[in-house]
PDB file of N, CA and C in Angstrom:
ATOM      1  N   UNK A   1       8.156 -32.844 -21.288  1.00  0.00           N
ATOM      2  CA  UNK A   1       8.133 -31.639 -19.954  1.00  0.00           C
ATOM      3  C   UNK A   1       9.419 -31.802 -19.477  1.00  0.00           C
ATOM      4  N   UNK A   2      10.449 -30.861 -19.874  1.00  0.00           N
ATOM      5  CA  UNK A   2      11.705 -30.662 -19.169  1.00  0.00           C
ATOM      6  C   UNK A   2      11.873 -30.563 -17.545  1.00  0.00           C
ATOM      7  N   UNK A   3      13.135 -30.464 -17.084  1.00  0.00           N
ATOM      8  CA  UNK A   3      13.472 -30.471 -15.776  1.00  0.00           C
ATOM      9  C   UNK A   3      13.361 -28.453 -15.615  1.00  0.00           C
ATOM     10  N   UNK A   4      13.525 -28.150 -16.950  1.00  0.00           N
ATOM     11  CA  UNK A   4      13.539 -26.575 -16.327  1.00  0.00           C
ATOM     12  C   UNK A   4      11.897 -26.319 -16.707  1.00  0.00           C
ATOM     13  N   UNK A   5      11.068 -26.563 -17.459  1.00  0.00           N
ATOM     14  CA  UNK A   5       9.871 -26.213 -17.232  1.00  0.00           C
ATOM     15  C   UNK A   5       9.320 -26.501 -15.910  1.00  0.00           C
ATOM     16  N   UNK A   6       9.711 -27.700 -14.976  1.00  0.00           N
ATOM     17  CA  UNK A   6       8.922 -27.558 -14.063  1.00  0.00           C
ATOM     18  C   UNK A   6       9.855 -27.106 -13.097  1.00  0.00           C
ATOM     19  N   UNK A   7      10.590 -26.615 -12.817  1.00  0.00           N
ATOM     20  CA  UNK A   7      11.328 -25.728 -11.657  1.00  0.00           C
ATOM     21  C   UNK A   7      10.813 -24.121 -11.574  1.00  0.00           C
ATOM     22  N   UNK A   8      10.503 -24.076 -13.428  1.00  0.00           N
ATOM     23  CA  UNK A   8      10.056 -22.688 -13.695  1.00  0.00           C
ATOM     24  C   UNK A   8       8.324 -22.282 -13.262  1.00  0.00           C
ATOM     25  N   UNK A   9       7.687 -23.880 -13.156  1.00  0.00           N
ATOM     26  CA  UNK A   9       6.366 -23.739 -12.768  1.00  0.00           C
ATOM     27  C   UNK A   9       6.313 -23.863 -11.420  1.00  0.00           C
ATOM     28  N   UNK A  10       7.263 -24.329 -10.393  1.00  0.00           N
ATOM     29  CA  UNK A  10       7.576 -24.462  -9.219  1.00  0.00           C
ATOM     30  C   UNK A  10       7.813 -22.979  -8.618  1.00  0.00           C
ATOM     31  N   UNK A  11       8.807 -22.440  -9.259  1.00  0.00           N
ATOM     32  CA  UNK A  11       8.836 -21.075  -8.479  1.00  0.00           C
ATOM     33  C   UNK A  11       7.584 -20.200  -8.985  1.00  0.00           C
ATOM     34  N   UNK A  12       7.104 -20.370 -10.089  1.00  0.00           N
ATOM     35  CA  UNK A  12       5.830 -19.264  -9.908  1.00  0.00           C
ATOM     36  C   UNK A  12       5.029 -19.706  -9.025  1.00  0.00           C
ATOM     37  N   UNK A  13       4.674 -21.162  -8.751  1.00  0.00           N
ATOM     38  CA  UNK A  13       3.594 -21.357  -7.582  1.00  0.00           C
ATOM     39  C   UNK A  13       4.246 -21.006  -6.270  1.00  0.00           C
ATOM     40  N   UNK A  14       5.350 -20.911  -6.044  1.00  0.00           N
ATOM     41  CA  UNK A  14       5.959 -20.388  -5.003  1.00  0.00           C
ATOM     42  C   UNK A  14       5.342 -18.639  -4.547  1.00  0.00           C
ATOM     43  N   UNK A  15       6.048 -17.982  -5.781  1.00  0.00           N
ATOM     44  CA  UNK A  15       5.722 -16.266  -5.467  1.00  0.00           C
ATOM     45  C   UNK A  15       4.390 -16.303  -5.813  1.00  0.00           C
ATOM     46  N   UNK A  16       3.431 -17.066  -6.264  1.00  0.00           N
ATOM     47  CA  UNK A  16       2.058 -17.018  -6.219  1.00  0.00           C
ATOM     48  C   UNK A  16       1.544 -17.255  -4.233  1.00  0.00           C
ATOM     49  N   UNK A  17       2.171 -17.905  -3.907  1.00  0.00           N
ATOM     50  CA  UNK A  17       1.668 -18.423  -2.333  1.00  0.00           C
ATOM     51  C   UNK A  17       2.112 -17.356  -1.413  1.00  0.00           C
ATOM     52  N   UNK A  18       3.500 -16.706  -1.700  1.00  0.00           N
ATOM     53  CA  UNK A  18       4.107 -15.625  -1.162  1.00  0.00           C
ATOM     54  C   UNK A  18       3.243 -14.731  -1.122  1.00  0.00           C
ATOM     55  N   UNK A  19       2.896 -14.212  -2.854  1.00  0.00           N
ATOM     56  CA  UNK A  19       1.623 -12.863  -2.339  1.00  0.00           C
ATOM     57  C   UNK A  19       0.407 -13.250  -1.763  1.00  0.00           C
ATOM     58  N   UNK A  20      -0.114 -14.321  -2.173  1.00  0.00           N
ATOM     59  CA  UNK A  20      -0.983 -14.504  -1.220  1.00  0.00           C
ATOM     60  C   UNK A  20      -1.201 -14.488   0.114  1.00  0.00           C
ATOM     61  N   UNK A  21       0.059 -14.948   1.113  1.00  0.00           N
ATOM     62  CA  UNK A  21      -0.196 -15.007   2.183  1.00  0.00           C
ATOM     63  C   UNK A  21       0.065 -13.493   2.621  1.00  0.00           C
ATOM     64  N   UNK A  22       1.019 -12.638   2.131  1.00  0.00           N
ATOM     65  CA  UNK A  22       1.515 -11.150   2.228  1.00  0.00           C
ATOM     66  C   UNK A  22      -0.181 -10.643   1.712  1.00  0.00           C
ATOM     67  N   UNK A  23      -1.032 -10.911   1.411  1.00  0.00           N
ATOM     68  CA  UNK A  23      -2.417  -9.945   1.404  1.00  0.00           C
ATOM     69  C   UNK A  23      -3.402 -10.696   2.362  1.00  0.00           C
ATOM     70  N   UNK A  24      -3.260 -11.915   2.850  1.00  0.00           N
ATOM     71  CA  UNK A  24      -4.115 -12.477   3.984  1.00  0.00           C
ATOM     72  C   UNK A  24      -3.571 -11.842   5.046  1.00  0.00           C
ATOM     73  N   UNK A  25      -2.332 -11.986   5.279  1.00  0.00           N
ATOM     74  CA  UNK A  25      -1.832 -11.418   6.676  1.00  0.00           C
ATOM     75  C   UNK A  25      -1.853  -9.763   6.792  1.00  0.00           C
ATOM     76  N   UNK A  26      -1.908  -9.167   5.648  1.00  0.00           N
ATOM     77  CA  UNK A  26      -2.122  -7.684   5.608  1.00  0.00           C
ATOM     78  C   UNK A  26      -3.648  -6.915   6.073  1.00  0.00           C
ATOM     79  N   UNK A  27      -4.367  -8.529   5.536  1.00  0.00           N
ATOM     80  CA  UNK A  27      -5.628  -7.865   5.411  1.00  0.00           C
ATOM     81  C   UNK A  27      -6.723  -8.547   7.269  1.00  0.00           C
ATOM     82  N   UNK A  28      -5.638  -9.347   7.809  1.00  0.00           N
ATOM     83  CA  UNK A  28      -5.967  -9.632   8.953  1.00  0.00           C
ATOM     84  C   UNK A  28      -5.398  -8.704   9.946  1.00  0.00           C
ATOM     85  N   UNK A  29      -4.341  -7.883   9.441  1.00  0.00           N
ATOM     86  CA  UNK A  29      -3.725  -6.924  10.401  1.00  0.00           C
ATOM     87  C   UNK A  29      -4.388  -6.016  10.130  1.00  0.00           C
ATOM     88  N   UNK A  30      -5.299  -5.409   9.142  1.00  0.00           N
ATOM     89  CA  UNK A  30      -5.832  -4.348   9.082  1.00  0.00           C
ATOM     90  C   UNK A  30      -7.359  -4.444   9.507  1.00  0.00           C
ATOM     91  N   UNK A  31      -8.142  -5.730   9.780  1.00  0.00           N
ATOM     92  CA  UNK A  31      -9.063  -6.069  10.561  1.00  0.00           C
ATOM     93  C   UNK A  31      -8.677  -5.562  12.116  1.00  0.00           C
ATOM     94  N   UNK A  32      -7.924  -6.046  12.506  1.00  0.00           N
ATOM     95  CA  UNK A  32      -7.304  -5.995  14.012  1.00  0.00           C
ATOM     96  C   UNK A  32      -7.062  -4.443  14.339  1.00  0.00           C
ATOM     97  N   UNK A  33      -6.357  -3.656  13.654  1.00  0.00           N
ATOM     98  CA  UNK A  33      -6.415  -2.771  13.628  1.00  0.00           C
ATOM     99  C   UNK A  33      -7.297  -1.693  13.837  1.00  0.00           C
ATOM    100  N   UNK A  34      -8.133  -2.045  13.199  1.00  0.00           N
ATOM    101  CA  UNK A  34      -9.678  -1.482  12.641  1.00  0.00           C
ATOM    102  C   UNK A  34     -10.657  -1.737  14.307  1.00  0.00           C
ATOM    103  N   UNK A  35     -10.617  -3.083  14.574  1.00  0.00           N
ATOM    104  CA  UNK A  35     -11.392  -3.275  16.137  1.00  0.00           C
ATOM    105  C   UNK A  35     -10.499  -2.253  17.025  1.00  0.00           C
ATOM    106  N   UNK A  36      -8.857  -2.371  17.325  1.00  0.00           N
ATOM    107  CA  UNK A  36      -8.978  -1.876  18.094  1.00  0.00           C
ATOM    108  C   UNK A  36      -9.063  -0.372  18.045  1.00  0.00           C
ATOM    109  N   UNK A  37      -9.120   0.310  16.821  1.00  0.00           N
ATOM    110  CA  UNK A  37      -9.402   1.732  16.567  1.00  0.00           C
ATOM    111  C   UNK A  37     -10.850   1.953  16.934  1.00  0.00           C
ATOM    112  N   UNK A  38     -12.274   0.794  16.552  1.00  0.00           N
ATOM    113  CA  UNK A  38     -13.361   0.872  17.167  1.00  0.00           C
ATOM    114  C   UNK A  38     -13.516   0.890  18.884  1.00  0.00           C
ATOM    115  N   UNK A  39     -12.878  -0.017  19.438  1.00  0.00           N
ATOM    116  CA  UNK A  39     -12.445  -0.234  20.927  1.00  0.00           C
ATOM    117  C   UNK A  39     -12.586   1.059  21.233  1.00  0.00           C
ATOM    118  N   UNK A  40     -11.103   1.466  21.066  1.00  0.00           N
ATOM    119  CA  UNK A  40     -10.425   2.967  21.659  1.00  0.00           C
ATOM    120  C   UNK A  40     -11.684   3.977  21.566  1.00  0.00           C
ATOM    121  N   UNK A  41     -12.791   3.780  20.558  1.00  0.00           N
ATOM    122  CA  UNK A  41     -13.742   5.001  20.374  1.00  0.00           C
ATOM    123  C   UNK A  41     -14.923   4.648  21.100  1.00  0.00           C
ATOM    124  N   UNK A  42     -14.885   3.456  21.862  1.00  0.00           N
ATOM    125  CA  UNK A  42     -16.259   3.050  22.256  1.00  0.00           C
ATOM    126  C   UNK A  42     -15.725   3.243  24.381  1.00  0.00           C
ATOM    127  N   UNK A  43     -14.302   3.263  23.697  1.00  0.00           N
ATOM    128  CA  UNK A  43     -14.261   3.521  25.297  1.00  0.00           C
ATOM    129  C   UNK A  43     -14.646   4.906  26.199  1.00  0.00           C
ATOM    130  N   UNK A  44     -14.197   5.744  25.209  1.00  0.00           N
ATOM    131  CA  UNK A  44     -14.875   7.394  26.050  1.00  0.00           C
ATOM    132  C   UNK A  44     -15.814   8.069  25.972  1.00  0.00           C
TER     133      UNK A  44
END
């Protein structure tokens, strides 16, 4: 196992982590906005 192989694997792992975080936060934001929308509908 060469050093280059390890860094390549590390880069892939970091990229996967970033993608996962973006998906997670966009999902949470979507839920939050959906709840705000429901609250605004129930207020009327």
